[in-house]
Amino acid sequence: MVWKEIIKQKLEHFSEVRFEEGEKILKVFLKDEKGFSVTIDQIIEADPYNITVSYGEAWHNHYADEQEAIRWFFFGLSDKCRLKLYYCGDVIYKGVV
């Protein structure tokens, strides 16, 4: 999984960023309650769209291209990314980037 090594190398430059990794997953935790976590994983290797990038619990997308998935991962960590949440009562039912 080349994507994980590329991301970890870039995250080394930001000592304040907290992340955890598993065999096929890497998650960056939110730095305050105004933000959201960003996750990238590759669970099903046989699926051509096998890399998933998630923002919080409300939005995710699947990618076949590793470089595109990495770009969306880092976009989620940038101050330019906004995630609009839709609620039904207290429950989030949709997120839109």
Protein backbone atom coordinates (compact mmCIF):
# COMPACT_ATOMS: atom_id res chain seq x y z
CA MET A 1 0.00 0.00 0.00
CA VAL A 2 2.00 2.90 -1.34
CA TRP A 3 -0.66 5.45 -0.35
CA LYS A 4 -0.05 4.82 3.36
CA GLU A 5 3.69 5.43 3.11
CA ILE A 6 3.19 8.63 1.08
CA ILE A 7 0.71 9.99 3.63
CA LYS A 8 2.85 9.05 6.64
CA GLN A 9 5.87 10.80 5.11
CA LYS A 10 3.88 14.01 4.64
CA LEU A 11 2.36 13.82 8.13
CA GLU A 12 5.83 13.60 9.71
CA HIS A 13 6.21 17.35 9.05
CA PHE A 14 3.24 18.13 11.34
CA SER A 15 4.06 17.09 14.90
CA GLU A 16 0.69 18.31 16.21
CA VAL A 17 -1.25 15.85 14.02
CA ARG A 18 -2.46 12.75 15.85
CA PHE A 19 -3.07 9.67 13.75
CA GLU A 20 -3.35 5.94 14.09
CA GLU A 21 -2.83 3.24 11.53
CA GLY A 22 -3.81 -0.33 11.01
CA GLU A 23 -2.83 -2.78 8.32
CA LYS A 24 -5.16 -1.22 5.71
CA ILE A 25 -6.29 2.01 7.36
CA LEU A 26 -4.92 5.39 8.47
CA LYS A 27 -6.98 7.86 10.50
CA VAL A 28 -6.11 11.45 11.41
CA PHE A 29 -8.00 12.68 14.46
CA LEU A 30 -9.69 16.07 14.64
CA LYS A 31 -7.69 18.71 16.43
CA ASP A 32 -10.72 20.41 18.01
CA GLU A 33 -14.48 19.97 18.20
CA LYS A 34 -15.00 22.25 15.17
CA GLY A 35 -13.21 19.79 12.88
CA PHE A 36 -13.63 16.19 11.79
CA SER A 37 -11.44 13.14 11.48
CA VAL A 38 -10.13 12.07 8.06
CA THR A 39 -9.68 8.39 7.25
CA ILE A 40 -8.30 6.47 4.29
CA ASP A 41 -8.60 2.72 3.97
CA GLN A 42 -8.23 -0.10 1.50
CA ILE A 43 -10.40 -2.93 2.80
CA ILE A 44 -11.40 -4.89 -0.33
CA GLU A 45 -8.36 -5.23 -2.58
CA ALA A 46 -10.27 -7.04 -5.36
CA ASP A 47 -12.63 -4.07 -5.86
CA PRO A 48 -11.34 -1.63 -8.54
CA TYR A 49 -12.66 1.30 -6.43
CA ASN A 50 -11.00 -0.07 -3.35
CA ILE A 51 -9.63 3.03 -1.62
CA THR A 52 -12.12 4.91 0.55
CA VAL A 53 -11.61 8.40 1.97
CA SER A 54 -13.95 9.44 4.79
CA TYR A 55 -14.55 12.78 6.51
CA GLY A 56 -15.99 12.24 9.96
CA GLU A 57 -18.87 9.80 10.07
CA ALA A 58 -20.96 11.66 7.48
CA TRP A 59 -19.12 11.60 4.14
CA HIS A 60 -17.05 9.09 2.17
CA ASN A 61 -16.10 8.36 -1.41
CA HIS A 62 -14.42 5.43 -3.20
CA TYR A 63 -11.43 5.82 -5.51
CA ALA A 64 -9.68 3.57 -8.03
CA ASP A 65 -6.80 6.02 -8.48
CA GLU A 66 -4.40 6.11 -5.53
CA GLN A 67 -3.18 9.66 -6.25
CA GLU A 68 -6.73 11.00 -6.39
CA ALA A 69 -7.52 9.34 -3.06
CA ILE A 70 -4.40 10.91 -1.51
CA ARG A 71 -5.40 14.35 -2.83
CA TRP A 72 -8.90 14.02 -1.31
CA PHE A 73 -7.38 12.80 1.96
CA PHE A 74 -5.18 15.89 2.26
CA PHE A 75 -7.96 18.18 1.05
CA GLY A 76 -9.99 16.96 4.05
CA LEU A 77 -7.15 18.07 6.33
CA SER A 78 -6.86 21.51 4.73
CA ASP A 79 -8.57 24.68 5.93
CA LYS A 80 -10.30 24.94 2.53
CA CYS A 81 -12.45 21.84 3.07
CA ARG A 82 -15.95 22.33 4.45
CA LEU A 83 -18.32 19.56 5.45
CA LYS A 84 -22.00 20.48 5.63
CA LEU A 85 -23.94 18.17 7.91
CA TYR A 86 -27.66 17.46 7.64
CA TYR A 87 -29.55 16.40 10.75
CA CYS A 88 -32.80 14.68 11.54
CA GLY A 89 -33.24 15.67 15.15
CA ASP A 90 -29.86 14.96 16.76
CA VAL A 91 -28.79 12.36 14.17
CA ILE A 92 -26.54 13.19 11.21
CA TYR A 93 -27.98 11.56 8.12
CA LYS A 94 -25.83 13.12 5.38
CA GLY A 95 -22.65 15.07 4.85
CA VAL A 96 -21.78 17.13 1.76
CA VAL A 97 -18.31 18.45 0.89
